[in-house]
Amino acid sequence: MANVVIWGAAGGIGRAIGGAFAAQGHKVVAIARRLRELEALTPHVITGDVQEPELVEAATRQAAEQAAPFDVFVYAIGDITSTRITEMAPQDWGRIMQANLRGVYLTTRAASPYLASQAHLFFLGAQHERLRLPGLGAYAAAKAGLEALAEVIRKETRRRVTVVRPQAVRTPLWEKVPFRIPANALSPDQVAQAIVQAWEQGQEGILDL
């Protein structure tokens, strides 16, 4: 049985990932700002927010008390906006960077002392080269930065790191942008199953879905 820690476990993808691992009998620690209904997924539920380093560290310590060392670490937090750079308020730019990039740094840093020697880290990315469109500058920049950061994390921690890049997933995130969701968009469960399979097979690097 593996110890699985998921940041952003209340979101559509995060919840599906937690359910997929729990269904196989693994111990899942779900970390999220909103804990509603997560108890049905796992008894190990922790309030966590990536806005402040202290909150990240506190949630990570609680997770370690329940399921250390971490065999699987998943960062499934994300946010998006559709605003042109010249019209975007600095706080909105900061919010997108916080959720998609800075949060990766904070949570990985906090989790580092509790990672198993063979731990596998998963980060939810995006096919950012397809997202370099008017209004998506902050999101595309954050996801591109995530890939660079993930590569450095792999080299520094000497552990398996995978950036999962789905083309499109049917989640409420699409309600924040003025684009029609593609007909071939994935379901959160499809993304979750791909992550479980990648962990089982030890697949590192970029995982395009």
Protein backbone atom coordinates (compact mmCIF):
# COMPACT_ATOMS: atom_id res chain seq x y z
CA MET A 1 0.00 0.00 0.00
CA ALA A 2 1.32 3.42 -0.97
CA ASN A 3 0.96 6.71 0.87
CA VAL A 4 -0.55 9.23 -1.55
CA VAL A 5 -0.71 12.98 -0.83
CA ILE A 6 -2.88 15.14 -3.08
CA TRP A 7 -2.94 18.93 -3.04
CA GLY A 8 -6.13 20.26 -4.61
CA ALA A 9 -8.09 17.12 -3.76
CA ALA A 10 -11.45 18.89 -3.85
CA GLY A 11 -11.18 19.86 -7.52
CA GLY A 12 -12.55 17.74 -10.33
CA ILE A 13 -9.20 16.20 -11.27
CA GLY A 14 -7.84 16.02 -7.74
CA ARG A 15 -10.92 14.24 -6.46
CA ALA A 16 -10.75 11.73 -9.32
CA ILE A 17 -7.08 11.03 -8.61
CA GLY A 18 -7.82 10.45 -4.96
CA GLY A 19 -10.66 8.11 -5.82
CA ALA A 20 -8.53 6.13 -8.25
CA PHE A 21 -5.77 5.52 -5.70
CA ALA A 22 -8.22 4.85 -2.86
CA ALA A 23 -10.06 2.29 -4.99
CA GLN A 24 -6.82 0.29 -5.14
CA GLY A 25 -6.45 0.30 -1.38
CA HIS A 26 -3.78 2.99 -1.08
CA LYS A 27 -3.80 5.49 1.79
CA VAL A 28 -4.86 8.85 0.40
CA VAL A 29 -4.32 12.13 2.24
CA ALA A 30 -6.55 14.78 0.68
CA ILE A 31 -5.48 18.41 1.13
CA ALA A 32 -7.82 21.18 0.01
CA ARG A 33 -9.33 24.48 1.03
CA ARG A 34 -12.85 23.07 0.79
CA LEU A 35 -13.27 19.73 2.52
CA ARG A 36 -16.92 19.13 1.68
CA GLU A 37 -17.62 15.50 0.83
CA LEU A 38 -13.94 14.55 0.86
CA GLU A 39 -14.57 12.37 3.91
CA ALA A 40 -16.40 9.97 1.61
CA LEU A 41 -13.16 9.60 -0.35
CA THR A 42 -10.71 9.14 2.53
CA PRO A 43 -10.66 9.55 6.31
CA HIS A 44 -7.40 11.48 5.96
CA VAL A 45 -8.57 15.00 5.12
CA ILE A 46 -6.59 18.17 5.82
CA THR A 47 -7.35 21.85 5.31
CA GLY A 48 -4.62 23.41 3.23
CA ASP A 49 -4.00 26.58 1.24
CA VAL A 50 -1.00 27.50 -0.91
CA GLN A 51 -1.42 31.22 -0.30
CA GLU A 52 1.05 31.28 2.58
CA PRO A 53 4.18 29.20 3.27
CA GLU A 54 3.15 28.70 6.90
CA LEU A 55 -0.17 27.16 5.88
CA VAL A 56 1.56 24.83 3.42
CA GLU A 57 4.06 23.69 6.01
CA ALA A 58 1.37 23.12 8.64
CA ALA A 59 -0.75 21.02 6.28
CA THR A 60 2.29 19.04 5.18
CA ARG A 61 3.24 18.24 8.76
CA GLN A 62 -0.29 17.01 9.42
CA ALA A 63 -0.12 14.85 6.30
CA ALA A 64 3.20 13.39 7.42
CA GLU A 65 1.73 12.47 10.79
CA GLN A 66 -0.89 10.41 9.00
CA ALA A 67 0.98 8.97 6.02
CA ALA A 68 4.75 9.35 5.99
CA PRO A 69 6.82 8.73 4.04
CA PHE A 70 5.03 10.01 0.92
CA ASP A 71 5.23 7.48 -1.92
CA VAL A 72 3.12 9.54 -4.33
CA PHE A 73 2.88 13.33 -4.29
CA VAL A 74 0.31 15.02 -6.53
CA TYR A 75 -0.13 18.75 -7.13
CA ALA A 76 -3.53 19.22 -8.76
CA ILE A 77 -4.20 22.87 -7.94
CA GLY A 78 -4.84 25.21 -10.84
CA ASP A 79 -6.54 28.45 -11.78
CA ILE A 80 -7.11 30.32 -15.03
CA THR A 81 -8.33 33.63 -16.31
CA SER A 82 -8.90 35.13 -19.74
CA THR A 83 -7.57 38.68 -19.57
CA ARG A 84 -5.17 40.46 -21.91
CA ILE A 85 -1.84 41.37 -20.35
CA THR A 86 -2.40 45.11 -20.84
CA GLU A 87 -5.74 44.85 -19.01
CA MET A 88 -4.80 42.39 -16.28
CA ALA A 89 -4.57 43.64 -12.72
CA PRO A 90 -1.35 42.66 -10.93
CA GLN A 91 -3.31 40.77 -8.29
CA ASP A 92 -4.92 38.61 -10.97
CA TRP A 93 -1.53 37.82 -12.50
CA GLY A 94 -0.30 36.93 -9.04
CA ARG A 95 -3.30 34.69 -8.38
CA ILE A 96 -2.68 32.63 -11.52
CA MET A 97 1.03 32.32 -10.79
CA GLN A 98 0.31 31.42 -7.17
CA ALA A 99 -2.00 28.54 -8.02
CA ASN A 100 -0.14 27.11 -11.00
CA LEU A 101 3.52 27.75 -10.19
CA ARG A 102 4.42 29.21 -6.80
CA GLY A 103 2.25 26.63 -5.08
CA VAL A 104 4.32 23.89 -6.70
CA TYR A 105 7.47 25.36 -5.17
CA LEU A 106 5.91 25.78 -1.72
CA THR A 107 4.36 22.32 -1.49
CA THR A 108 7.38 20.49 -2.92
CA ARG A 109 9.70 22.33 -0.56
CA ALA A 110 7.52 21.46 2.42
CA ALA A 111 7.13 17.81 1.38
CA SER A 112 10.82 17.22 0.69
CA PRO A 113 11.75 15.89 4.17
CA TYR A 114 8.90 13.39 4.03
CA LEU A 115 9.38 11.93 0.56
CA ALA A 116 10.11 8.22 0.31
CA SER A 117 13.38 7.32 -1.41
CA GLN A 118 11.39 6.04 -4.42
CA ALA A 119 8.72 8.75 -4.29
CA HIS A 120 7.00 9.79 -7.51
CA LEU A 121 5.89 13.41 -7.89
CA PHE A 122 3.09 14.40 -10.26
CA PHE A 123 2.30 17.96 -11.34
CA LEU A 124 -0.77 18.93 -13.37
CA GLY A 125 0.42 20.91 -16.33
CA ALA A 126 -1.08 21.77 -19.70
CA GLN A 127 -0.06 21.75 -23.33
CA HIS A 128 0.91 25.37 -22.93
CA GLU A 129 2.29 25.80 -26.44
CA ARG A 130 -1.32 25.45 -27.65
CA LEU A 131 -2.54 28.01 -25.13
CA ARG A 132 -0.50 31.02 -26.21
CA LEU A 133 -3.62 32.91 -27.13
CA PRO A 134 -4.86 36.42 -26.34
CA GLY A 135 -6.06 36.43 -22.74
CA LEU A 136 -4.15 33.35 -21.61
CA GLY A 137 -0.71 34.90 -21.10
CA ALA A 138 -0.54 34.31 -17.34
CA TYR A 139 -1.80 30.74 -17.54
CA ALA A 140 0.47 29.76 -20.43
CA ALA A 141 3.49 31.36 -18.76
CA ALA A 142 2.78 29.58 -15.46
CA LYS A 143 2.42 26.17 -17.09
CA ALA A 144 5.58 26.65 -19.14
CA GLY A 145 7.41 27.63 -15.97
CA LEU A 146 6.03 24.55 -14.23
CA GLU A 147 7.73 22.26 -16.74
CA ALA A 148 11.09 23.94 -16.20
CA LEU A 149 10.67 23.81 -12.44
CA ALA A 150 9.67 20.14 -12.52
CA GLU A 151 12.84 19.25 -14.39
CA VAL A 152 14.95 21.00 -11.78
CA ILE A 153 13.02 19.27 -8.98
CA ARG A 154 13.77 15.91 -10.60
CA LYS A 155 17.48 16.66 -10.72
CA GLU A 156 17.66 18.07 -7.20
CA THR A 157 15.56 15.44 -5.43
CA ARG A 158 16.74 12.49 -7.58
CA ARG A 159 13.19 11.18 -7.63
CA ARG A 160 10.71 10.41 -10.36
CA VAL A 161 8.83 13.49 -11.57
CA THR A 162 6.01 13.56 -14.11
CA VAL A 163 4.25 16.57 -15.59
CA VAL A 164 0.81 15.53 -16.80
CA ARG A 165 -0.35 17.60 -19.79
CA PRO A 166 -3.98 16.94 -20.75
CA GLN A 167 -5.28 18.76 -23.81
CA ALA A 168 -8.61 19.60 -22.16
CA VAL A 169 -10.53 18.17 -19.23
CA ARG A 170 -14.23 18.60 -18.44
CA THR A 171 -14.00 20.57 -15.20
CA PRO A 172 -15.54 23.84 -13.94
CA LEU A 173 -12.29 25.61 -14.92
CA TRP A 174 -13.76 26.04 -18.40
CA GLU A 175 -16.43 28.32 -16.96
CA LYS A 176 -13.70 30.93 -16.40
CA VAL A 177 -12.71 31.27 -20.06
CA PRO A 178 -14.73 32.26 -23.15
CA PHE A 179 -13.85 29.14 -25.11
CA ARG A 180 -15.96 26.16 -26.03
CA ILE A 181 -14.73 22.94 -24.52
CA PRO A 182 -13.51 20.53 -27.22
CA ALA A 183 -15.76 17.61 -28.05
CA ASN A 184 -12.91 15.19 -27.34
CA ALA A 185 -12.15 16.63 -23.90
CA LEU A 186 -11.10 14.09 -21.29
CA SER A 187 -13.00 13.29 -18.13
CA PRO A 188 -11.27 13.72 -14.75
CA ASP A 189 -11.44 9.95 -14.32
CA GLN A 190 -9.45 9.42 -17.53
CA VAL A 191 -6.71 11.73 -16.25
CA ALA A 192 -6.72 9.96 -12.89
CA GLN A 193 -6.36 6.52 -14.45
CA ALA A 194 -3.48 7.75 -16.61
CA ILE A 195 -1.68 9.01 -13.50
CA VAL A 196 -2.17 5.74 -11.62
CA GLN A 197 -0.85 3.84 -14.63
CA ALA A 198 2.15 6.17 -14.94
CA TRP A 199 2.96 5.56 -11.28
CA GLU A 200 2.63 1.81 -11.64
CA GLN A 201 4.91 1.85 -14.69
CA GLY A 202 7.37 4.40 -13.32
CA GLN A 203 6.84 6.78 -16.23
CA GLU A 204 8.77 10.03 -15.83
CA GLY A 205 9.02 13.28 -17.74
CA ILE A 206 6.14 14.62 -19.80
CA LEU A 207 2.87 12.72 -20.01
CA ASP A 208 0.71 14.11 -22.81
CA LEU A 209 -2.93 13.05 -22.73
